[in-house]
Protein backbone atom coordinates (compact mmCIF):
# COMPACT_ATOMS: atom_id res chain seq x y z
CA GLN A 1 -53.32 -14.60 77.33
CA LEU A 2 -52.82 -10.73 78.41
CA ARG A 3 -54.49 -7.79 76.25
CA LEU A 4 -52.68 -4.82 76.64
CA MET A 5 -54.40 -1.28 76.09
CA GLU A 6 -52.21 2.34 76.15
CA SER A 7 -53.82 5.66 76.77
CA GLY A 8 -52.80 8.94 77.96
CA GLY A 9 -50.88 9.82 74.52
CA ALA A 10 -51.04 13.75 73.29
CA SER A 11 -49.51 16.74 71.86
CA VAL A 12 -47.53 18.78 74.36
CA GLN A 13 -44.74 21.63 74.32
CA ALA A 14 -41.27 20.62 75.38
CA GLY A 15 -40.63 20.58 79.28
CA GLY A 16 -44.46 19.82 79.70
CA SER A 17 -45.75 16.47 81.27
CA LEU A 18 -47.69 13.38 80.58
CA THR A 19 -48.47 10.71 82.35
CA LEU A 20 -49.02 7.32 80.05
CA SER A 21 -51.15 4.16 81.08
CA CYS A 22 -51.01 0.52 80.03
CA SER A 23 -54.47 -1.39 80.86
CA ALA A 24 -53.94 -4.93 81.24
CA THR A 25 -56.75 -7.56 81.00
CA GLY A 26 -56.53 -11.22 81.18
CA LYS A 27 -55.14 -13.70 83.62
CA TYR A 28 -51.53 -12.71 85.52
CA TYR A 29 -50.50 -10.40 84.63
CA SER A 30 -48.42 -9.84 88.27
CA THR A 31 -46.51 -12.15 87.06
CA TYR A 32 -45.07 -10.39 84.20
CA CYS A 33 -42.47 -7.93 83.99
CA MET A 34 -43.80 -5.07 82.12
CA ALA A 35 -41.96 -2.52 80.02
CA TRP A 36 -42.58 0.95 78.47
CA VAL A 37 -41.30 0.86 74.47
CA ARG A 38 -41.17 3.85 72.15
CA GLN A 39 -40.50 4.14 68.41
CA ALA A 40 -39.99 7.15 66.79
CA PRO A 41 -40.70 7.16 62.89
CA GLY A 42 -38.03 5.56 61.09
CA LYS A 43 -36.69 4.37 64.04
CA GLU A 44 -35.70 1.39 65.80
CA PRO A 45 -38.01 0.41 68.70
CA GLU A 46 -36.44 1.62 71.74
CA GLY A 47 -36.75 0.12 75.03
CA ILE A 48 -36.78 2.96 77.86
CA ALA A 49 -38.50 1.64 80.95
CA THR A 50 -39.17 -1.52 82.84
CA ILE A 51 -40.39 -2.93 85.93
CA ASP A 52 -40.18 -6.69 87.27
CA SER A 53 -43.00 -9.20 88.65
CA GLU A 54 -44.71 -9.38 91.78
CA GLY A 55 -42.50 -10.76 93.92
CA ARG A 56 -39.12 -9.68 92.44
CA ASN A 57 -37.34 -6.98 94.12
CA ASN A 58 -35.20 -5.81 91.01
CA GLN A 59 -35.25 -1.94 90.61
CA PRO A 60 -36.97 -0.31 87.43
CA LEU A 61 -34.65 -0.29 84.72
CA TYR A 62 -34.38 3.16 82.70
CA ALA A 63 -32.41 3.97 78.96
CA ASP A 64 -30.00 6.51 79.83
CA SER A 65 -32.47 9.07 77.62
CA VAL A 66 -35.28 9.34 79.73
CA LYS A 67 -33.52 8.43 83.43
CA GLY A 68 -34.11 11.23 85.41
CA ARG A 69 -37.04 12.27 83.82
CA PHE A 70 -39.45 9.12 83.20
CA THR A 71 -40.66 7.03 85.95
CA ILE A 72 -42.61 4.01 85.40
CA SER A 73 -44.36 1.88 87.94
CA ARG A 74 -47.41 -0.61 87.79
CA ASP A 75 -50.59 -1.43 90.07
CA ASN A 76 -51.01 -5.11 90.53
CA THR A 77 -54.53 -4.71 91.99
CA GLU A 78 -55.61 -2.67 89.11
CA ASN A 79 -53.64 -4.50 86.22
CA THR A 80 -52.38 -1.39 85.43
CA LEU A 81 -48.66 0.13 84.52
CA SER A 82 -48.29 3.61 83.97
CA LEU A 83 -44.86 6.07 82.80
CA ARG A 84 -44.93 9.62 84.46
CA MET A 85 -43.10 11.63 82.11
CA ASP A 86 -41.25 14.83 82.55
CA GLU A 87 -39.09 17.57 81.34
CA LEU A 88 -40.63 16.15 77.81
CA GLU A 89 -37.77 16.65 74.46
CA VAL A 90 -38.66 16.82 71.12
CA GLU A 91 -36.54 13.82 71.09
CA ASP A 92 -39.57 11.76 73.04
CA THR A 93 -41.74 11.89 69.89
CA ALA A 94 -42.59 8.79 69.45
CA LEU A 95 -45.50 6.28 69.73
CA TYR A 96 -45.27 4.75 73.01
CA TYR A 97 -46.31 0.96 73.89
CA CYS A 98 -45.80 -0.75 76.55
CA THR A 99 -44.94 -5.02 76.46
CA ALA A 100 -45.04 -8.19 78.58
CA VAL A 101 -42.45 -10.05 79.23
CA MET A 102 -41.96 -13.51 80.74
CA GLY A 103 -39.80 -15.44 82.78
CA GLY A 104 -37.28 -13.70 84.53
CA LEU A 105 -36.04 -11.62 81.50
CA CYS A 106 -36.74 -8.53 82.69
CA THR A 107 -34.36 -6.02 80.55
CA LEU A 108 -34.58 -3.25 78.63
CA ALA A 109 -34.04 -5.03 75.08
CA ALA A 110 -36.09 -8.24 75.66
CA ALA A 111 -38.78 -5.52 76.46
CA THR A 112 -38.46 -4.71 72.46
CA ARG A 113 -37.21 -8.20 70.62
CA PRO A 114 -40.64 -10.30 69.94
CA LYS A 115 -39.45 -13.66 70.41
CA ASP A 116 -38.86 -12.23 74.06
CA PHE A 117 -42.48 -10.53 75.01
CA ARG A 118 -44.80 -11.77 75.42
CA TYR A 119 -47.69 -9.23 74.45
CA ARG A 120 -48.10 -5.78 73.21
CA GLY A 121 -50.11 -3.21 73.05
CA PRO A 122 -51.13 -1.14 69.95
CA GLY A 123 -49.55 2.07 71.24
CA THR A 124 -50.36 5.73 72.21
CA GLN A 125 -48.64 8.54 70.24
CA VAL A 126 -47.01 11.02 72.31
CA THR A 127 -45.87 14.52 69.98
CA VAL A 128 -43.59 16.95 71.63
CA SER A 129 -43.25 20.27 69.72
CA PRO A 130 -40.52 23.21 70.14
């Protein structure tokens, strides 16, 4: 079992930067595809970034809405996942959470579907003001 906990959310002005962290406790963290998902009020969850499990050479995936502004990374020795967010926009306001996806299904869509991800954290709030 894997337990995930996000941190780093804050209120920032548009154009600013934030780095979110997701700390994992449990076994086999490196074997999971990890993802960042966000959900704004009244909207469906949006998978914004994925990074594959250890040993797989797939490049990280990004949603078009964040490509070029956000960077996902992971440290398999520390069991952490990060999301560097630059050039933040008001539209980035959302609850951000990390998910762990099993078995070669490392896609943005799978990261948002409860039937495909195995674990998720409670989330951390990011609010971007004009």
